[in-house]
């Protein structure tokens, strides 16, 4: 390893390789983790280490609550040129728990998830023709899967929860969450896609991570250009990572757990087609700036026309009832702000 490489900034060096994360007693917590863009950590899942950052030339782990959980203040480079960082846990037992990060020789070392439970949940309202059976083998997903099933039989799609229930989308989901409140406490983020949304489990991983990175309360992935699109604002803007809005479409909304608690009563409404809910969700959250977004970096494809099985007159009547009951005044499609994608290295953007 050259002297120039040793003098690189800590952030660049962290991102350049893989690191073994362990307790100083020698117990390995994660055999190989990677420090990715936007504070992402690959290869390790735990609420105390949700993100990473470098401040004052020191690596810090940030917890799910947004607090710095561990700060690595000690740094040494061995004879082989590899770096070791040592840090103290800043939680309740401050100073008593010491962690170590050891730079590995090759980035080709396999990254595998660590053992703590997943903190995201996908709740899919699905029939037999759902587009998700390929998720069964998605061992690297950062989320659990709940199937709210209106079809026949009991398909095995790798789900952790199976909820057989006929009827519309939201009311069966409401009943299940209302009867199992511990589910809401168990997870940080929830995504509720329809079963005609095509995507990959890796894309869902990235979507949840961006929601977490930007502490979004309500969000949705953008729709690809070849999707059936009802609202123009939901179509992907390929220049953006995300756009802050006051609208998220009811077929693919994601909620932070506290936002879900606020919006849960709306899901009980007798609205067979779910129209009107997407008026009410942002209003109940108070239209918070920079907390509601359409995530362009993780688009999904809507494969079916939205009104194909919809009685429009009934749907409009039910929408009017829901909107009137909650006092929602408007559906605002304006974009309030943008986070642009970072340019590729070496690309000049005038």
Foldseek 3Di string as FASTA:
>chain_A
DDPVLLPDQPVVNQQVAWKFKAWPVPHTQFGTWHQDPLFCIFQEDDQQAGGWDADPSWIFGAGLVRHTFKIFDDWDADPVRKIKTKIFGPPPVTPPTMMMITTDDHRPPDRHYGDDAAQEEEEEADEPPFPQLVQLPVRRFSYAYEYAYQYDDDDPSNHPHYHDDHAAQQQSVLVVCVVPVVVLVRHFKYKYAYRQKDADRVLVRVVVSVCSSQVAFKEFEAADPPAQDDDVLSHADQFFQKFQWLFDDPNIMMGGSVLCVQLSVLSNQPQRLPAQSRLQSSVSVVVDTSRYIHGRVRHIHRHDHSCPPPPVVSNVVSNVVSCVVRVRDDHTSDTPGTHGDDDDPPDDDD
